[in-house]
Amino acid sequence: MPTLVWMTEWDIWQSGENLHLYYKLRQSYGDHRLLHEAPGHLFLKHEAEDLASFLQVAMLNCWGGYILPHANSVNAFFSHDEYFNFYTKREESLAGVRKLLGADPVERDTSRAATESK
């Protein structure tokens, strides 16, 4: 599914940014515009590895922005402050995200916990 990565935060930690790497990556698409001129990049379904590369460069540069899939099932915001927020209209849509991130709620075995506390 097509996914838009839209940068909204950059130039916050300029000394740690590698704009050269970002622009080289962008130029591999034939896009020579500056970040402030075109802060978004649309990735097609077959470009998942490219999307991951752009996100990695954005996070290494301490940038922030949005990941907006065309299906709009789960949207994400990534911050220059090193956190993600996920947005959805349906709670069950987050199950896949939780599983992917290893954040599935784990049922606690209370009988084992009681035994270990003795």
Protein backbone atom coordinates (compact mmCIF):
# COMPACT_ATOMS: atom_id res chain seq x y z
CA MET A 1 0.00 0.00 0.00
CA PRO A 2 1.32 3.50 -0.76
CA THR A 3 2.69 5.28 2.31
CA LEU A 4 3.59 8.92 2.76
CA VAL A 5 6.51 9.85 5.01
CA TRP A 6 6.13 13.53 5.84
CA MET A 7 8.92 15.29 7.71
CA THR A 8 7.74 18.05 10.03
CA GLU A 9 10.75 18.48 12.35
CA TRP A 10 14.31 19.04 11.21
CA ASP A 11 17.19 21.46 11.92
CA ILE A 12 16.69 20.88 15.64
CA TRP A 13 20.11 19.28 16.22
CA GLN A 14 21.94 20.65 13.18
CA SER A 15 25.38 19.53 14.39
CA GLY A 16 24.26 15.89 14.28
CA GLU A 17 22.42 15.98 10.96
CA ASN A 18 23.73 14.29 7.87
CA LEU A 19 21.88 16.17 5.15
CA HIS A 20 24.36 14.90 2.58
CA LEU A 21 23.21 11.31 3.19
CA TYR A 22 19.54 12.33 3.04
CA TYR A 23 19.98 14.23 -0.22
CA LYS A 24 21.98 11.40 -1.81
CA LEU A 25 19.18 9.00 -0.88
CA ARG A 26 16.60 11.37 -2.29
CA GLN A 27 18.64 11.93 -5.46
CA SER A 28 18.56 8.18 -6.09
CA TYR A 29 14.89 8.83 -6.95
CA GLY A 30 15.84 11.67 -9.28
CA ASP A 31 14.52 14.20 -6.75
CA HIS A 32 16.85 17.18 -6.27
CA ARG A 33 14.54 19.35 -4.18
CA LEU A 34 15.52 20.57 -0.73
CA LEU A 35 13.83 19.16 2.34
CA HIS A 36 11.88 22.36 3.06
CA GLU A 37 10.66 22.43 -0.56
CA ALA A 38 9.32 18.88 -0.48
CA PRO A 39 9.14 17.48 3.06
CA GLY A 40 7.16 14.43 2.01
CA HIS A 41 7.99 11.30 0.06
CA LEU A 42 5.42 8.81 -1.24
CA PHE A 43 6.52 5.18 -1.19
CA LEU A 44 4.77 2.51 -3.21
CA LYS A 45 4.10 -1.00 -1.94
CA HIS A 46 7.26 -2.44 -3.53
CA GLU A 47 9.43 0.28 -1.92
CA ALA A 48 9.19 -0.92 1.69
CA GLU A 49 12.99 -1.18 2.01
CA ASP A 50 13.35 2.38 0.72
CA LEU A 51 10.77 3.60 3.23
CA ALA A 52 12.76 1.91 6.01
CA SER A 53 15.96 3.59 4.78
CA PHE A 54 14.38 7.05 4.72
CA LEU A 55 13.00 6.51 8.23
CA GLN A 56 16.37 5.36 9.48
CA VAL A 57 18.08 8.45 8.09
CA ALA A 58 15.35 10.67 9.57
CA MET A 59 15.76 9.09 13.00
CA LEU A 60 19.56 9.24 12.87
CA ASN A 61 19.19 12.96 12.09
CA CYS A 62 16.80 13.39 15.06
CA TRP A 63 13.98 14.53 12.79
CA GLY A 64 10.28 14.06 13.34
CA GLY A 65 7.32 13.49 11.10
CA TYR A 66 4.44 11.27 10.14
CA ILE A 67 4.04 7.87 8.53
CA LEU A 68 0.70 7.92 6.74
CA PRO A 69 -0.36 4.76 4.90
CA HIS A 70 -2.97 5.17 2.15
CA ALA A 71 -5.30 2.73 3.94
CA ASN A 72 -5.24 5.06 6.98
CA SER A 73 -5.64 2.09 9.33
CA VAL A 74 -2.74 3.01 11.63
CA ASN A 75 -0.86 6.30 11.31
CA ALA A 76 2.30 7.11 13.24
CA PHE A 77 4.16 10.17 14.43
CA PHE A 78 7.88 9.90 15.17
CA SER A 79 9.49 12.64 17.21
CA HIS A 80 12.94 14.19 17.31
CA ASP A 81 12.64 13.40 21.04
CA GLU A 82 12.93 9.67 20.21
CA TYR A 83 9.38 8.38 20.62
CA PHE A 84 6.54 7.15 18.42
CA ASN A 85 2.80 7.75 18.72
CA PHE A 86 0.35 5.55 16.85
CA TYR A 87 -3.12 6.71 15.82
CA THR A 88 -6.09 4.66 14.73
CA LYS A 89 -9.86 4.79 14.88
CA ARG A 90 -10.06 1.12 15.81
CA GLU A 91 -8.20 -0.30 18.81
CA GLU A 92 -7.89 -3.72 17.18
CA SER A 93 -5.81 -2.16 14.38
CA LEU A 94 -2.98 -1.69 16.90
CA ALA A 95 -2.69 -5.44 17.56
CA GLY A 96 -0.33 -5.90 14.60
CA VAL A 97 1.81 -2.94 15.69
CA ARG A 98 2.05 -4.29 19.23
CA LYS A 99 3.01 -7.71 17.97
CA LEU A 100 5.62 -6.30 15.59
CA LEU A 101 7.15 -4.24 18.40
CA GLY A 102 6.97 -7.09 20.92
CA ALA A 103 4.57 -5.11 23.05
CA ASP A 104 1.69 -7.58 23.18
CA PRO A 105 0.03 -7.57 26.57
CA VAL A 106 1.14 -10.68 28.41
CA GLU A 107 -1.26 -12.51 30.65
CA ARG A 108 0.30 -12.92 34.04
CA ASP A 109 0.30 -16.38 35.55
CA THR A 110 -0.81 -15.44 39.04
CA SER A 111 -0.25 -18.92 40.46
CA ARG A 112 3.41 -18.81 39.43
CA ALA A 113 3.81 -15.24 40.72
CA ALA A 114 2.33 -16.27 44.05
CA THR A 115 4.75 -19.20 44.31
CA GLU A 116 7.77 -17.02 43.43
CA SER A 117 6.89 -14.44 46.09
CA LYS A 118 6.95 -17.01 48.93
